[in-house]
């Protein structure tokens, strides 16, 4: 996996499927061994990780959607953690 930076285009990892789960009232990651319930922030980040958007664009969209600034470090930290868990992948 190449190093993570603002130009990285993360996508949901192989074997995982992201979906909204009404019963959980949250986004979840499904995989053969189980399920990961995401908090609101994690769900908002993950649903934008489509392999097309860069981390910089994801940050920009989140900052606009939630009328805030300075999310770049938090988003990078989440994407890095999700990559270590194999929830996200990038080239």
PDB file of N, CA and C in Angstrom:
ATOM      1  N   UNK A   1       0.852  -1.175   0.000  1.00  0.00           N
ATOM      2  CA  UNK A   1       0.000   0.000   0.000  1.00  0.00           C
ATOM      3  C   UNK A   1       0.896   1.237   0.000  1.00  0.00           C
ATOM      4  N   UNK A   2       0.611   2.170  -0.885  1.00  0.00           N
ATOM      5  CA  UNK A   2       1.405   3.398  -0.954  1.00  0.00           C
ATOM      6  C   UNK A   2       1.094   4.284   0.245  1.00  0.00           C
ATOM      7  N   UNK A   3       2.019   5.187   0.591  1.00  0.00           N
ATOM      8  CA  UNK A   3       1.775   6.079   1.733  1.00  0.00           C
ATOM      9  C   UNK A   3       0.514   6.924   1.530  1.00  0.00           C
ATOM     10  N   UNK A   4      -0.106   7.252   2.632  1.00  0.00           N
ATOM     11  CA  UNK A   4      -1.342   8.022   2.637  1.00  0.00           C
ATOM     12  C   UNK A   4      -1.026   9.514   2.609  1.00  0.00           C
ATOM     13  N   UNK A   5      -1.705  10.247   1.717  1.00  0.00           N
ATOM     14  CA  UNK A   5      -1.618  11.702   1.710  1.00  0.00           C
ATOM     15  C   UNK A   5      -2.916  12.268   1.153  1.00  0.00           C
ATOM     16  N   UNK A   6      -2.983  13.588   0.989  1.00  0.00           N
ATOM     17  CA  UNK A   6      -4.226  14.246   0.565  1.00  0.00           C
ATOM     18  C   UNK A   6      -4.675  13.818  -0.823  1.00  0.00           C
ATOM     19  N   UNK A   7      -3.762  13.323  -1.661  1.00  0.00           N
ATOM     20  CA  UNK A   7      -4.117  12.899  -3.020  1.00  0.00           C
ATOM     21  C   UNK A   7      -4.593  11.445  -3.080  1.00  0.00           C
ATOM     22  N   UNK A   8      -4.425  10.699  -1.997  1.00  0.00           N
ATOM     23  CA  UNK A   8      -4.843   9.297  -1.941  1.00  0.00           C
ATOM     24  C   UNK A   8      -6.342   9.183  -2.209  1.00  0.00           C
ATOM     25  N   UNK A   9      -6.720   8.157  -2.975  1.00  0.00           N
ATOM     26  CA  UNK A   9      -8.129   7.906  -3.305  1.00  0.00           C
ATOM     27  C   UNK A   9      -8.556   6.579  -2.676  1.00  0.00           C
ATOM     28  N   UNK A  10      -8.999   6.629  -1.403  1.00  0.00           N
ATOM     29  CA  UNK A  10      -9.365   5.376  -0.719  1.00  0.00           C
ATOM     30  C   UNK A  10     -10.675   4.790  -1.234  1.00  0.00           C
ATOM     31  N   UNK A  11     -10.760   3.462  -1.123  1.00  0.00           N
ATOM     32  CA  UNK A  11     -11.978   2.737  -1.502  1.00  0.00           C
ATOM     33  C   UNK A  11     -12.219   1.659  -0.447  1.00  0.00           C
ATOM     34  N   UNK A  12     -13.451   1.210  -0.367  1.00  0.00           N
ATOM     35  CA  UNK A  12     -13.791   0.151   0.585  1.00  0.00           C
ATOM     36  C   UNK A  12     -12.980  -1.088   0.229  1.00  0.00           C
ATOM     37  N   UNK A  13     -12.391  -1.699   1.236  1.00  0.00           N
ATOM     38  CA  UNK A  13     -11.512  -2.842   1.033  1.00  0.00           C
ATOM     39  C   UNK A  13     -12.228  -4.068   0.495  1.00  0.00           C
ATOM     40  N   UNK A  14     -11.468  -4.922  -0.155  1.00  0.00           N
ATOM     41  CA  UNK A  14     -11.987  -6.179  -0.688  1.00  0.00           C
ATOM     42  C   UNK A  14     -12.563  -7.019   0.447  1.00  0.00           C
ATOM     43  N   UNK A  15     -13.750  -7.546   0.227  1.00  0.00           N
ATOM     44  CA  UNK A  15     -14.396  -8.390   1.225  1.00  0.00           C
ATOM     45  C   UNK A  15     -15.299  -7.631   2.179  1.00  0.00           C
ATOM     46  N   UNK A  16     -15.314  -6.294   2.064  1.00  0.00           N
ATOM     47  CA  UNK A  16     -16.173  -5.470   2.919  1.00  0.00           C
ATOM     48  C   UNK A  16     -17.249  -4.809   2.071  1.00  0.00           C
ATOM     49  N   UNK A  17     -18.398  -4.582   2.682  1.00  0.00           N
ATOM     50  CA  UNK A  17     -19.488  -3.874   2.003  1.00  0.00           C
ATOM     51  C   UNK A  17     -20.050  -2.859   2.978  1.00  0.00           C
ATOM     52  N   UNK A  18     -20.107  -1.607   2.539  1.00  0.00           N
ATOM     53  CA  UNK A  18     -20.660  -0.537   3.358  1.00  0.00           C
ATOM     54  C   UNK A  18     -22.129  -0.374   3.026  1.00  0.00           C
ATOM     55  N   UNK A  19     -22.958  -0.280   4.058  1.00  0.00           N
ATOM     56  CA  UNK A  19     -24.372  -0.025   3.821  1.00  0.00           C
ATOM     57  C   UNK A  19     -24.984   0.656   5.038  1.00  0.00           C
ATOM     58  N   UNK A  20     -26.110   1.344   4.798  1.00  0.00           N
ATOM     59  CA  UNK A  20     -26.888   1.938   5.875  1.00  0.00           C
ATOM     60  C   UNK A  20     -27.752   0.837   6.475  1.00  0.00           C
ATOM     61  N   UNK A  21     -27.741   0.715   7.770  1.00  0.00           N
ATOM     62  CA  UNK A  21     -28.513  -0.313   8.456  1.00  0.00           C
ATOM     63  C   UNK A  21     -29.561   0.367   9.339  1.00  0.00           C
ATOM     64  N   UNK A  22     -30.822   0.407   8.873  1.00  0.00           N
ATOM     65  CA  UNK A  22     -31.864   1.092   9.652  1.00  0.00           C
ATOM     66  C   UNK A  22     -31.998   0.563  11.088  1.00  0.00           C
ATOM     67  N   UNK A  23     -31.865  -0.733  11.267  1.00  0.00           N
ATOM     68  CA  UNK A  23     -32.003  -1.308  12.609  1.00  0.00           C
ATOM     69  C   UNK A  23     -30.922  -0.789  13.558  1.00  0.00           C
ATOM     70  N   UNK A  24     -29.753  -0.487  13.017  1.00  0.00           N
ATOM     71  CA  UNK A  24     -28.643   0.047  13.819  1.00  0.00           C
ATOM     72  C   UNK A  24     -28.655   1.580  13.824  1.00  0.00           C
ATOM     73  N   UNK A  25     -29.452   2.168  12.929  1.00  0.00           N
ATOM     74  CA  UNK A  25     -29.483   3.621  12.730  1.00  0.00           C
ATOM     75  C   UNK A  25     -28.084   4.166  12.464  1.00  0.00           C
ATOM     76  N   UNK A  26     -27.318   3.424  11.647  1.00  0.00           N
ATOM     77  CA  UNK A  26     -25.946   3.821  11.331  1.00  0.00           C
ATOM     78  C   UNK A  26     -25.461   3.078  10.091  1.00  0.00           C
ATOM     79  N   UNK A  27     -24.334   3.562   9.573  1.00  0.00           N
ATOM     80  CA  UNK A  27     -23.653   2.826   8.523  1.00  0.00           C
ATOM     81  C   UNK A  27     -22.914   1.659   9.175  1.00  0.00           C
ATOM     82  N   UNK A  28     -22.871   0.550   8.465  1.00  0.00           N
ATOM     83  CA  UNK A  28     -22.140  -0.619   8.934  1.00  0.00           C
ATOM     84  C   UNK A  28     -21.259  -1.137   7.806  1.00  0.00           C
ATOM     85  N   UNK A  29     -20.185  -1.796   8.197  1.00  0.00           N
ATOM     86  CA  UNK A  29     -19.328  -2.513   7.259  1.00  0.00           C
ATOM     87  C   UNK A  29     -19.606  -3.992   7.461  1.00  0.00           C
ATOM     88  N   UNK A  30     -20.059  -4.644   6.423  1.00  0.00           N
ATOM     89  CA  UNK A  30     -20.320  -6.078   6.494  1.00  0.00           C
ATOM     90  C   UNK A  30     -19.140  -6.822   5.889  1.00  0.00           C
ATOM     91  N   UNK A  31     -18.793  -7.937   6.499  1.00  0.00           N
ATOM     92  CA  UNK A  31     -17.738  -8.808   5.977  1.00  0.00           C
ATOM     93  C   UNK A  31     -18.078 -10.226   6.400  1.00  0.00           C
ATOM     94  N   UNK A  32     -17.445 -11.228   5.791  1.00  0.00           N
ATOM     95  CA  UNK A  32     -17.871 -12.608   6.045  1.00  0.00           C
ATOM     96  C   UNK A  32     -17.909 -13.005   7.521  1.00  0.00           C
ATOM     97  N   UNK A  33     -17.009 -12.465   8.332  1.00  0.00           N
ATOM     98  CA  UNK A  33     -16.953 -12.865   9.735  1.00  0.00           C
ATOM     99  C   UNK A  33     -17.868 -12.042  10.639  1.00  0.00           C
ATOM    100  N   UNK A  34     -18.489 -10.988  10.106  1.00  0.00           N
ATOM    101  CA  UNK A  34     -19.336 -10.188  10.971  1.00  0.00           C
ATOM    102  C   UNK A  34     -19.667  -8.812  10.430  1.00  0.00           C
ATOM    103  N   UNK A  35     -19.742  -7.862  11.368  1.00  0.00           N
ATOM    104  CA  UNK A  35     -20.185  -6.521  11.030  1.00  0.00           C
ATOM    105  C   UNK A  35     -19.480  -5.524  11.944  1.00  0.00           C
ATOM    106  N   UNK A  36     -19.162  -4.343  11.387  1.00  0.00           N
ATOM    107  CA  UNK A  36     -18.617  -3.243  12.173  1.00  0.00           C
ATOM    108  C   UNK A  36     -19.627  -2.109  12.104  1.00  0.00           C
ATOM    109  N   UNK A  37     -20.125  -1.678  13.264  1.00  0.00           N
ATOM    110  CA  UNK A  37     -21.025  -0.537  13.318  1.00  0.00           C
ATOM    111  C   UNK A  37     -20.169   0.725  13.403  1.00  0.00           C
ATOM    112  N   UNK A  38     -20.378   1.648  12.467  1.00  0.00           N
ATOM    113  CA  UNK A  38     -19.601   2.878  12.415  1.00  0.00           C
ATOM    114  C   UNK A  38     -20.334   4.005  13.132  1.00  0.00           C
ATOM    115  N   UNK A  39     -19.576   4.878  13.782  1.00  0.00           N
ATOM    116  CA  UNK A  39     -20.201   6.068  14.346  1.00  0.00           C
ATOM    117  C   UNK A  39     -20.529   7.018  13.186  1.00  0.00           C
ATOM    118  N   UNK A  40     -21.206   8.130  13.476  1.00  0.00           N
ATOM    119  CA  UNK A  40     -21.634   9.024  12.401  1.00  0.00           C
ATOM    120  C   UNK A  40     -20.452   9.544  11.593  1.00  0.00           C
ATOM    121  N   UNK A  41     -19.389   9.953  12.263  1.00  0.00           N
ATOM    122  CA  UNK A  41     -18.218  10.480  11.552  1.00  0.00           C
ATOM    123  C   UNK A  41     -17.606   9.430  10.637  1.00  0.00           C
ATOM    124  N   UNK A  42     -17.432   8.216  11.171  1.00  0.00           N
ATOM    125  CA  UNK A  42     -16.867   7.137  10.371  1.00  0.00           C
ATOM    126  C   UNK A  42     -17.722   6.816   9.162  1.00  0.00           C
ATOM    127  N   UNK A  43     -19.034   6.790   9.357  1.00  0.00           N
ATOM    128  CA  UNK A  43     -19.951   6.523   8.245  1.00  0.00           C
ATOM    129  C   UNK A  43     -19.872   7.594   7.176  1.00  0.00           C
ATOM    130  N   UNK A  44     -19.791   8.859   7.603  1.00  0.00           N
ATOM    131  CA  UNK A  44     -19.713   9.962   6.639  1.00  0.00           C
ATOM    132  C   UNK A  44     -18.423   9.891   5.828  1.00  0.00           C
ATOM    133  N   UNK A  45     -17.339   9.516   6.466  1.00  0.00           N
ATOM    134  CA  UNK A  45     -16.062   9.374   5.746  1.00  0.00           C
ATOM    135  C   UNK A  45     -16.127   8.172   4.815  1.00  0.00           C
ATOM    136  N   UNK A  46     -16.528   7.023   5.362  1.00  0.00           N
ATOM    137  CA  UNK A  46     -16.525   5.787   4.579  1.00  0.00           C
ATOM    138  C   UNK A  46     -17.409   5.876   3.344  1.00  0.00           C
ATOM    139  N   UNK A  47     -18.575   6.517   3.448  1.00  0.00           N
ATOM    140  CA  UNK A  47     -19.470   6.542   2.288  1.00  0.00           C
ATOM    141  C   UNK A  47     -18.907   7.395   1.155  1.00  0.00           C
ATOM    142  N   UNK A  48     -17.898   8.187   1.442  1.00  0.00           N
ATOM    143  CA  UNK A  48     -17.252   8.992   0.402  1.00  0.00           C
ATOM    144  C   UNK A  48     -16.002   8.309  -0.171  1.00  0.00           C
ATOM    145  N   UNK A  49     -15.599   7.203   0.421  1.00  0.00           N
ATOM    146  CA  UNK A  49     -14.404   6.475  -0.023  1.00  0.00           C
ATOM    147  C   UNK A  49     -14.782   5.529  -1.151  1.00  0.00           C
ATOM    148  N   UNK A  50     -14.869   6.090  -2.348  1.00  0.00           N
ATOM    149  CA  UNK A  50     -15.342   5.346  -3.513  1.00  0.00           C
ATOM    150  C   UNK A  50     -14.228   5.052  -4.523  1.00  0.00           C
ATOM    151  N   UNK A  51     -12.995   5.383  -4.181  1.00  0.00           N
ATOM    152  CA  UNK A  51     -11.886   5.167  -5.102  1.00  0.00           C
ATOM    153  C   UNK A  51     -11.751   6.267  -6.137  1.00  0.00           C
ATOM    154  N   UNK A  52     -12.702   7.176  -6.181  1.00  0.00           N
ATOM    155  CA  UNK A  52     -12.672   8.300  -7.120  1.00  0.00           C
ATOM    156  C   UNK A  52     -12.289   9.594  -6.412  1.00  0.00           C
ATOM    157  N   UNK A  53     -12.822   9.785  -5.199  1.00  0.00           N
ATOM    158  CA  UNK A  53     -12.548  11.010  -4.445  1.00  0.00           C
ATOM    159  C   UNK A  53     -11.204  10.898  -3.725  1.00  0.00           C
ATOM    160  N   UNK A  54     -10.447  11.980  -3.763  1.00  0.00           N
ATOM    161  CA  UNK A  54      -9.204  12.044  -2.993  1.00  0.00           C
ATOM    162  C   UNK A  54      -9.538  12.369  -1.541  1.00  0.00           C
ATOM    163  N   UNK A  55      -8.580  12.130  -0.650  1.00  0.00           N
ATOM    164  CA  UNK A  55      -8.769  12.507   0.753  1.00  0.00           C
ATOM    165  C   UNK A  55      -9.050  14.002   0.839  1.00  0.00           C
ATOM    166  N   UNK A  56      -8.349  14.810   0.048  1.00  0.00           N
ATOM    167  CA  UNK A  56      -8.564  16.260   0.061  1.00  0.00           C
ATOM    168  C   UNK A  56     -10.009  16.607  -0.311  1.00  0.00           C
ATOM    169  N   UNK A  57     -10.567  15.936  -1.307  1.00  0.00           N
ATOM    170  CA  UNK A  57     -11.946  16.191  -1.707  1.00  0.00           C
ATOM    171  C   UNK A  57     -12.916  15.721  -0.627  1.00  0.00           C
ATOM    172  N   UNK A  58     -12.648  14.575  -0.016  1.00  0.00           N
ATOM    173  CA  UNK A  58     -13.491  14.078   1.070  1.00  0.00           C
ATOM    174  C   UNK A  58     -13.513  15.097   2.212  1.00  0.00           C
ATOM    175  N   UNK A  59     -12.351  15.614   2.576  1.00  0.00           N
ATOM    176  CA  UNK A  59     -12.270  16.626   3.634  1.00  0.00           C
ATOM    177  C   UNK A  59     -13.095  17.848   3.245  1.00  0.00           C
ATOM    178  N   UNK A  60     -12.928  18.300   2.013  1.00  0.00           N
ATOM    179  CA  UNK A  60     -13.659  19.480   1.544  1.00  0.00           C
ATOM    180  C   UNK A  60     -15.171  19.261   1.607  1.00  0.00           C
ATOM    181  N   UNK A  61     -15.631  18.100   1.150  1.00  0.00           N
ATOM    182  CA  UNK A  61     -17.067  17.788   1.185  1.00  0.00           C
ATOM    183  C   UNK A  61     -17.589  17.750   2.615  1.00  0.00           C
ATOM    184  N   UNK A  62     -16.836  17.146   3.522  1.00  0.00           N
ATOM    185  CA  UNK A  62     -17.259  17.058   4.919  1.00  0.00           C
ATOM    186  C   UNK A  62     -17.291  18.432   5.573  1.00  0.00           C
ATOM    187  N   UNK A  63     -16.276  19.244   5.303  1.00  0.00           N
ATOM    188  CA  UNK A  63     -16.239  20.581   5.883  1.00  0.00           C
ATOM    189  C   UNK A  63     -17.414  21.417   5.389  1.00  0.00           C
ATOM    190  N   UNK A  64     -17.765  21.254   4.120  1.00  0.00           N
ATOM    191  CA  UNK A  64     -18.913  21.976   3.570  1.00  0.00           C
ATOM    192  C   UNK A  64     -20.224  21.436   4.148  1.00  0.00           C
ATOM    193  N   UNK A  65     -20.363  20.122   4.201  1.00  0.00           N
ATOM    194  CA  UNK A  65     -21.605  19.505   4.680  1.00  0.00           C
ATOM    195  C   UNK A  65     -21.887  19.837   6.143  1.00  0.00           C
ATOM    196  N   UNK A  66     -20.830  19.969   6.945  1.00  0.00           N
ATOM    197  CA  UNK A  66     -21.019  20.184   8.382  1.00  0.00           C
ATOM    198  C   UNK A  66     -20.598  21.584   8.828  1.00  0.00           C
ATOM    199  N   UNK A  67     -20.416  22.485   7.863  1.00  0.00           N
ATOM    200  CA  UNK A  67     -20.090  23.889   8.137  1.00  0.00           C
ATOM    201  C   UNK A  67     -18.977  24.032   9.170  1.00  0.00           C
ATOM    202  N   UNK A  68     -17.858  23.379   8.881  1.00  0.00           N
ATOM    203  CA  UNK A  68     -16.714  23.440   9.786  1.00  0.00           C
ATOM    204  C   UNK A  68     -15.429  23.471   8.969  1.00  0.00           C
ATOM    205  N   UNK A  69     -14.319  23.665   9.635  1.00  0.00           N
ATOM    206  CA  UNK A  69     -13.005  23.682   8.999  1.00  0.00           C
ATOM    207  C   UNK A  69     -12.036  22.844   9.825  1.00  0.00           C
ATOM    208  N   UNK A  70     -10.914  22.482   9.213  1.00  0.00           N
ATOM    209  CA  UNK A  70      -9.852  21.809   9.948  1.00  0.00           C
ATOM    210  C   UNK A  70     -10.055  20.330  10.189  1.00  0.00           C
ATOM    211  N   UNK A  71     -10.781  19.655   9.300  1.00  0.00           N
ATOM    212  CA  UNK A  71     -11.031  18.219   9.482  1.00  0.00           C
ATOM    213  C   UNK A  71      -9.941  17.337   8.877  1.00  0.00           C
ATOM    214  N   UNK A  72      -8.959  17.933   8.197  1.00  0.00           N
ATOM    215  CA  UNK A  72      -7.979  17.129   7.464  1.00  0.00           C
ATOM    216  C   UNK A  72      -7.236  16.131   8.349  1.00  0.00           C
ATOM    217  N   UNK A  73      -6.780  16.527   9.530  1.00  0.00           N
ATOM    218  CA  UNK A  73      -6.042  15.593  10.390  1.00  0.00           C
ATOM    219  C   UNK A  73      -6.933  14.459  10.879  1.00  0.00           C
ATOM    220  N   UNK A  74      -8.177  14.780  11.233  1.00  0.00           N
ATOM    221  CA  UNK A  74      -9.098  13.744  11.712  1.00  0.00           C
ATOM    222  C   UNK A  74      -9.438  12.749  10.603  1.00  0.00           C
ATOM    223  N   UNK A  75      -9.680  13.259   9.401  1.00  0.00           N
ATOM    224  CA  UNK A  75     -10.014  12.373   8.277  1.00  0.00           C
ATOM    225  C   UNK A  75      -8.814  11.503   7.924  1.00  0.00           C
ATOM    226  N   UNK A  76      -7.627  12.102   7.854  1.00  0.00           N
ATOM    227  CA  UNK A  76      -6.421  11.314   7.564  1.00  0.00           C
ATOM    228  C   UNK A  76      -6.208  10.234   8.626  1.00  0.00           C
ATOM    229  N   UNK A  77      -6.411  10.577   9.896  1.00  0.00           N
ATOM    230  CA  UNK A  77      -6.236   9.600  10.974  1.00  0.00           C
ATOM    231  C   UNK A  77      -7.236   8.451  10.831  1.00  0.00           C
ATOM    232  N   UNK A  78      -8.499   8.765  10.499  1.00  0.00           N
ATOM    233  CA  UNK A  78      -9.498   7.710  10.325  1.00  0.00           C
ATOM    234  C   UNK A  78      -9.138   6.820   9.135  1.00  0.00           C
ATOM    235  N   UNK A  79      -8.777   7.434   8.006  1.00  0.00           N
ATOM    236  CA  UNK A  79      -8.445   6.655   6.807  1.00  0.00           C
ATOM    237  C   UNK A  79      -7.231   5.758   7.087  1.00  0.00           C
ATOM    238  N   UNK A  80      -6.254   6.280   7.793  1.00  0.00           N
ATOM    239  CA  UNK A  80      -5.076   5.477   8.134  1.00  0.00           C
ATOM    240  C   UNK A  80      -5.463   4.287   9.015  1.00  0.00           C
ATOM    241  N   UNK A  81      -6.283   4.528  10.044  1.00  0.00           N
ATOM    242  CA  UNK A  81      -6.740   3.451  10.922  1.00  0.00           C
ATOM    243  C   UNK A  81      -7.556   2.428  10.131  1.00  0.00           C
ATOM    244  N   UNK A  82      -8.462   2.917   9.273  1.00  0.00           N
ATOM    245  CA  UNK A  82      -9.308   2.019   8.473  1.00  0.00           C
ATOM    246  C   UNK A  82      -8.460   1.199   7.501  1.00  0.00           C
ATOM    247  N   UNK A  83      -7.385   1.784   7.001  1.00  0.00           N
ATOM    248  CA  UNK A  83      -6.472   1.038   6.136  1.00  0.00           C
ATOM    249  C   UNK A  83      -5.785  -0.095   6.894  1.00  0.00           C
ATOM    250  N   UNK A  84      -5.382   0.178   8.124  1.00  0.00           N
ATOM    251  CA  UNK A  84      -4.734  -0.862   8.942  1.00  0.00           C
ATOM    252  C   UNK A  84      -5.702  -1.996   9.254  1.00  0.00           C
ATOM    253  N   UNK A  85      -6.993  -1.675   9.353  1.00  0.00           N
ATOM    254  CA  UNK A  85      -8.022  -2.695   9.603  1.00  0.00           C
ATOM    255  C   UNK A  85      -8.471  -3.394   8.306  1.00  0.00           C
ATOM    256  N   UNK A  86      -7.965  -2.900   7.160  1.00  0.00           N
ATOM    257  CA  UNK A  86      -8.316  -3.382   5.825  1.00  0.00           C
ATOM    258  C   UNK A  86      -9.726  -2.998   5.412  1.00  0.00           C
ATOM    259  N   UNK A  87     -10.360  -2.072   6.172  1.00  0.00           N
ATOM    260  CA  UNK A  87     -11.686  -1.551   5.772  1.00  0.00           C
ATOM    261  C   UNK A  87     -11.548  -0.722   4.520  1.00  0.00           C
ATOM    262  N   UNK A  88     -10.397  -0.033   4.383  1.00  0.00           N
ATOM    263  CA  UNK A  88     -10.120   0.799   3.199  1.00  0.00           C
ATOM    264  C   UNK A  88      -8.834   0.334   2.555  1.00  0.00           C
ATOM    265  N   UNK A  89      -8.744   0.562   1.251  1.00  0.00           N
ATOM    266  CA  UNK A  89      -7.535   0.239   0.500  1.00  0.00           C
ATOM    267  C   UNK A  89      -7.284   1.383  -0.492  1.00  0.00           C
ATOM    268  N   UNK A  90      -6.058   1.482  -0.971  1.00  0.00           N
ATOM    269  CA  UNK A  90      -5.693   2.440  -2.004  1.00  0.00           C
ATOM    270  C   UNK A  90      -4.428   1.944  -2.671  1.00  0.00           C
ATOM    271  N   UNK A  91      -4.160   2.481  -3.843  1.00  0.00           N
ATOM    272  CA  UNK A  91      -2.989   2.031  -4.619  1.00  0.00           C
ATOM    273  C   UNK A  91      -1.758   2.855  -4.285  1.00  0.00           C
TER     274      UNK A  91
END
